[in-house]
Amino acid sequence: MAQESNIDMKAVAYIAGAGIAGVLLGAFLIAPMMAKAKAKKLEKEKQQAVAAKK
């Protein structure tokens, strides 16, 4: 009664694995680097604002 599927499950697994790896890479590597860069930029702007007040 069950019909054979034409979808290659190995290819689906590779695609799903790549998607999960991309999310993990973004969450644990890229996001902290971006947050650090943003904090550095804000600190620089703060220093410039303090220097401009003097």
PDB file of N, CA and C in Angstrom:
ATOM      1  N   MET A   1       0.811  -1.199   0.000  1.00  0.00           N
ATOM      2  CA  MET A   1       0.000   0.000   0.000  1.00  0.00           C
ATOM      3  C   MET A   1       0.863   1.276   0.000  1.00  0.00           C
ATOM      4  N   ALA A   2       2.012   1.223   0.700  1.00  0.00           N
ATOM      5  CA  ALA A   2       2.861   2.405   0.749  1.00  0.00           C
ATOM      6  C   ALA A   2       3.569   2.594  -0.582  1.00  0.00           C
ATOM      7  N   GLN A   3       3.620   3.819  -1.044  1.00  0.00           N
ATOM      8  CA  GLN A   3       4.277   4.120  -2.311  1.00  0.00           C
ATOM      9  C   GLN A   3       5.701   4.582  -2.049  1.00  0.00           C
ATOM     10  N   GLU A   4       6.569   4.284  -2.972  1.00  0.00           N
ATOM     11  CA  GLU A   4       7.956   4.726  -2.866  1.00  0.00           C
ATOM     12  C   GLU A   4       8.038   6.239  -3.096  1.00  0.00           C
ATOM     13  N   SER A   5       8.873   6.899  -2.331  1.00  0.00           N
ATOM     14  CA  SER A   5       9.061   8.340  -2.475  1.00  0.00           C
ATOM     15  C   SER A   5      10.213   8.609  -3.439  1.00  0.00           C
ATOM     16  N   ASN A   6      10.054   9.607  -4.274  1.00  0.00           N
ATOM     17  CA  ASN A   6      11.102   9.971  -5.218  1.00  0.00           C
ATOM     18  C   ASN A   6      12.119  10.933  -4.611  1.00  0.00           C
ATOM     19  N   ILE A   7      11.865  11.380  -3.396  1.00  0.00           N
ATOM     20  CA  ILE A   7      12.752  12.348  -2.750  1.00  0.00           C
ATOM     21  C   ILE A   7      13.944  11.611  -2.145  1.00  0.00           C
ATOM     22  N   ASP A   8      15.136  12.079  -2.465  1.00  0.00           N
ATOM     23  CA  ASP A   8      16.357  11.503  -1.903  1.00  0.00           C
ATOM     24  C   ASP A   8      16.542  12.063  -0.492  1.00  0.00           C
ATOM     25  N   MET A   9      16.351  11.243   0.501  1.00  0.00           N
ATOM     26  CA  MET A   9      16.407  11.706   1.892  1.00  0.00           C
ATOM     27  C   MET A   9      17.821  12.123   2.300  1.00  0.00           C
ATOM     28  N   LYS A  10      18.831  11.563   1.655  1.00  0.00           N
ATOM     29  CA  LYS A  10      20.207  11.947   1.965  1.00  0.00           C
ATOM     30  C   LYS A  10      20.438  13.410   1.594  1.00  0.00           C
ATOM     31  N   ALA A  11      19.915  13.843   0.440  1.00  0.00           N
ATOM     32  CA  ALA A  11      20.057  15.237   0.017  1.00  0.00           C
ATOM     33  C   ALA A  11      19.294  16.160   0.965  1.00  0.00           C
ATOM     34  N   VAL A  12      18.107  15.742   1.379  1.00  0.00           N
ATOM     35  CA  VAL A  12      17.319  16.545   2.318  1.00  0.00           C
ATOM     36  C   VAL A  12      18.064  16.693   3.638  1.00  0.00           C
ATOM     37  N   ALA A  13      18.693  15.622   4.095  1.00  0.00           N
ATOM     38  CA  ALA A  13      19.451  15.660   5.343  1.00  0.00           C
ATOM     39  C   ALA A  13      20.638  16.617   5.236  1.00  0.00           C
ATOM     40  N   TYR A  14      21.332  16.616   4.092  1.00  0.00           N
ATOM     41  CA  TYR A  14      22.454  17.545   3.895  1.00  0.00           C
ATOM     42  C   TYR A  14      21.972  18.996   3.924  1.00  0.00           C
ATOM     43  N   ILE A  15      20.868  19.263   3.252  1.00  0.00           N
ATOM     44  CA  ILE A  15      20.344  20.633   3.205  1.00  0.00           C
ATOM     45  C   ILE A  15      19.910  21.088   4.591  1.00  0.00           C
ATOM     46  N   ALA A  16      19.206  20.209   5.313  1.00  0.00           N
ATOM     47  CA  ALA A  16      18.771  20.554   6.672  1.00  0.00           C
ATOM     48  C   ALA A  16      19.975  20.758   7.582  1.00  0.00           C
ATOM     49  N   GLY A  17      20.974  19.916   7.449  1.00  0.00           N
ATOM     50  CA  GLY A  17      22.190  20.041   8.261  1.00  0.00           C
ATOM     51  C   GLY A  17      22.924  21.338   7.982  1.00  0.00           C
ATOM     52  N   ALA A  18      22.972  21.719   6.716  1.00  0.00           N
ATOM     53  CA  ALA A  18      23.631  22.978   6.355  1.00  0.00           C
ATOM     54  C   ALA A  18      22.866  24.164   6.934  1.00  0.00           C
ATOM     55  N   GLY A  19      21.546  24.090   6.918  1.00  0.00           N
ATOM     56  CA  GLY A  19      20.737  25.169   7.493  1.00  0.00           C
ATOM     57  C   GLY A  19      20.953  25.295   8.988  1.00  0.00           C
ATOM     58  N   ILE A  20      20.962  24.171   9.673  1.00  0.00           N
ATOM     59  CA  ILE A  20      21.189  24.188  11.127  1.00  0.00           C
ATOM     60  C   ILE A  20      22.590  24.688  11.437  1.00  0.00           C
ATOM     61  N   ALA A  21      23.571  24.255  10.668  1.00  0.00           N
ATOM     62  CA  ALA A  21      24.947  24.716  10.876  1.00  0.00           C
ATOM     63  C   ALA A  21      25.048  26.223  10.652  1.00  0.00           C
ATOM     64  N   GLY A  22      24.340  26.739   9.660  1.00  0.00           N
ATOM     65  CA  GLY A  22      24.356  28.178   9.404  1.00  0.00           C
ATOM     66  C   GLY A  22      23.763  28.976  10.547  1.00  0.00           C
ATOM     67  N   VAL A  23      22.672  28.476  11.106  1.00  0.00           N
ATOM     68  CA  VAL A  23      22.044  29.164  12.239  1.00  0.00           C
ATOM     69  C   VAL A  23      22.969  29.154  13.446  1.00  0.00           C
ATOM     70  N   LEU A  24      23.574  28.008  13.723  1.00  0.00           N
ATOM     71  CA  LEU A  24      24.488  27.919  14.866  1.00  0.00           C
ATOM     72  C   LEU A  24      25.720  28.798  14.673  1.00  0.00           C
ATOM     73  N   LEU A  25      26.245  28.805  13.467  1.00  0.00           N
ATOM     74  CA  LEU A  25      27.408  29.644  13.163  1.00  0.00           C
ATOM     75  C   LEU A  25      27.064  31.114  13.382  1.00  0.00           C
ATOM     76  N   GLY A  26      25.912  31.526  12.898  1.00  0.00           N
ATOM     77  CA  GLY A  26      25.490  32.910  13.076  1.00  0.00           C
ATOM     78  C   GLY A  26      25.250  33.263  14.527  1.00  0.00           C
ATOM     79  N   ALA A  27      24.641  32.340  15.262  1.00  0.00           N
ATOM     80  CA  ALA A  27      24.291  32.627  16.652  1.00  0.00           C
ATOM     81  C   ALA A  27      25.518  32.684  17.557  1.00  0.00           C
ATOM     82  N   PHE A  28      26.470  31.795  17.347  1.00  0.00           N
ATOM     83  CA  PHE A  28      27.572  31.691  18.290  1.00  0.00           C
ATOM     84  C   PHE A  28      28.866  32.360  17.840  1.00  0.00           C
ATOM     85  N   LEU A  29      29.009  32.672  16.564  1.00  0.00           N
ATOM     86  CA  LEU A  29      30.235  33.320  16.095  1.00  0.00           C
ATOM     87  C   LEU A  29      29.997  34.724  15.565  1.00  0.00           C
ATOM     88  N   ILE A  30      29.061  34.866  14.659  1.00  0.00           N
ATOM     89  CA  ILE A  30      28.857  36.149  13.988  1.00  0.00           C
ATOM     90  C   ILE A  30      28.216  37.174  14.918  1.00  0.00           C
ATOM     91  N   ALA A  31      27.168  36.768  15.643  1.00  0.00           N
ATOM     92  CA  ALA A  31      26.447  37.713  16.510  1.00  0.00           C
ATOM     93  C   ALA A  31      27.346  38.340  17.577  1.00  0.00           C
ATOM     94  N   PRO A  32      28.158  37.581  18.300  1.00  0.00           N
ATOM     95  CA  PRO A  32      29.047  38.225  19.284  1.00  0.00           C
ATOM     96  C   PRO A  32      30.057  39.182  18.647  1.00  0.00           C
ATOM     97  N   MET A  33      30.551  38.834  17.458  1.00  0.00           N
ATOM     98  CA  MET A  33      31.490  39.731  16.779  1.00  0.00           C
ATOM     99  C   MET A  33      30.803  41.034  16.408  1.00  0.00           C
ATOM    100  N   MET A  34      29.558  40.950  15.938  1.00  0.00           N
ATOM    101  CA  MET A  34      28.812  42.151  15.568  1.00  0.00           C
ATOM    102  C   MET A  34      28.499  42.994  16.807  1.00  0.00           C
ATOM    103  N   ALA A  35      28.147  42.343  17.907  1.00  0.00           N
ATOM    104  CA  ALA A  35      27.852  43.069  19.142  1.00  0.00           C
ATOM    105  C   ALA A  35      29.095  43.796  19.650  1.00  0.00           C
ATOM    106  N   LYS A  36      30.244  43.147  19.560  1.00  0.00           N
ATOM    107  CA  LYS A  36      31.505  43.767  19.991  1.00  0.00           C
ATOM    108  C   LYS A  36      31.826  44.983  19.129  1.00  0.00           C
ATOM    109  N   ALA A  37      31.630  44.848  17.811  1.00  0.00           N
ATOM    110  CA  ALA A  37      31.904  45.959  16.904  1.00  0.00           C
ATOM    111  C   ALA A  37      30.960  47.134  17.177  1.00  0.00           C
ATOM    112  N   LYS A  38      29.700  46.824  17.469  1.00  0.00           N
ATOM    113  CA  LYS A  38      28.727  47.874  17.753  1.00  0.00           C
ATOM    114  C   LYS A  38      29.071  48.588  19.058  1.00  0.00           C
ATOM    115  N   ALA A  39      29.476  47.827  20.075  1.00  0.00           N
ATOM    116  CA  ALA A  39      29.857  48.425  21.347  1.00  0.00           C
ATOM    117  C   ALA A  39      31.077  49.333  21.179  1.00  0.00           C
ATOM    118  N   LYS A  40      32.024  48.898  20.359  1.00  0.00           N
ATOM    119  CA  LYS A  40      33.225  49.703  20.113  1.00  0.00           C
ATOM    120  C   LYS A  40      32.856  51.009  19.408  1.00  0.00           C
ATOM    121  N   LYS A  41      31.930  50.921  18.447  1.00  0.00           N
ATOM    122  CA  LYS A  41      31.492  52.107  17.716  1.00  0.00           C
ATOM    123  C   LYS A  41      30.771  53.079  18.652  1.00  0.00           C
ATOM    124  N   LEU A  42      29.907  52.544  19.526  1.00  0.00           N
ATOM    125  CA  LEU A  42      29.181  53.403  20.467  1.00  0.00           C
ATOM    126  C   LEU A  42      30.136  54.077  21.451  1.00  0.00           C
ATOM    127  N   GLU A  43      31.157  53.346  21.890  1.00  0.00           N
ATOM    128  CA  GLU A  43      32.147  53.914  22.804  1.00  0.00           C
ATOM    129  C   GLU A  43      32.902  55.054  22.128  1.00  0.00           C
ATOM    130  N   LYS A  44      33.249  54.867  20.861  1.00  0.00           N
ATOM    131  CA  LYS A  44      33.963  55.907  20.117  1.00  0.00           C
ATOM    132  C   LYS A  44      33.088  57.152  19.974  1.00  0.00           C
ATOM    133  N   GLU A  45      31.792  56.943  19.655  1.00  0.00           N
ATOM    134  CA  GLU A  45      30.874  58.076  19.531  1.00  0.00           C
ATOM    135  C   GLU A  45      30.704  58.793  20.867  1.00  0.00           C
ATOM    136  N   LYS A  46      30.678  58.043  21.964  1.00  0.00           N
ATOM    137  CA  LYS A  46      30.543  58.628  23.294  1.00  0.00           C
ATOM    138  C   LYS A  46      31.763  59.484  23.625  1.00  0.00           C
ATOM    139  N   GLN A  47      32.950  58.980  23.283  1.00  0.00           N
ATOM    140  CA  GLN A  47      34.181  59.721  23.552  1.00  0.00           C
ATOM    141  C   GLN A  47      34.208  61.011  22.740  1.00  0.00           C
ATOM    142  N   GLN A  48      33.736  60.959  21.502  1.00  0.00           N
ATOM    143  CA  GLN A  48      33.695  62.146  20.651  1.00  0.00           C
ATOM    144  C   GLN A  48      32.699  63.169  21.203  1.00  0.00           C
ATOM    145  N   ALA A  49      31.572  62.702  21.738  1.00  0.00           N
ATOM    146  CA  ALA A  49      30.578  63.604  22.300  1.00  0.00           C
ATOM    147  C   ALA A  49      31.113  64.282  23.551  1.00  0.00           C
ATOM    148  N   VAL A  50      31.845  63.540  24.375  1.00  0.00           N
ATOM    149  CA  VAL A  50      32.428  64.114  25.597  1.00  0.00           C
ATOM    150  C   VAL A  50      33.501  65.142  25.213  1.00  0.00           C
ATOM    151  N   ALA A  51      34.292  64.814  24.204  1.00  0.00           N
ATOM    152  CA  ALA A  51      35.344  65.729  23.763  1.00  0.00           C
ATOM    153  C   ALA A  51      34.741  66.986  23.150  1.00  0.00           C
ATOM    154  N   ALA A  52      33.606  66.873  22.501  1.00  0.00           N
ATOM    155  CA  ALA A  52      32.966  68.029  21.880  1.00  0.00           C
ATOM    156  C   ALA A  52      32.385  68.979  22.926  1.00  0.00           C
ATOM    157  N   LYS A  53      31.985  68.449  24.092  1.00  0.00           N
ATOM    158  CA  LYS A  53      31.429  69.272  25.163  1.00  0.00           C
ATOM    159  C   LYS A  53      32.501  70.121  25.856  1.00  0.00           C
ATOM    160  N   LYS A  54      33.738  69.684  25.782  1.00  0.00           N
ATOM    161  CA  LYS A  54      34.818  70.398  26.494  1.00  0.00           C
ATOM    162  C   LYS A  54      35.180  71.673  25.808  1.00  0.00           C
TER     163      LYS A  54
END
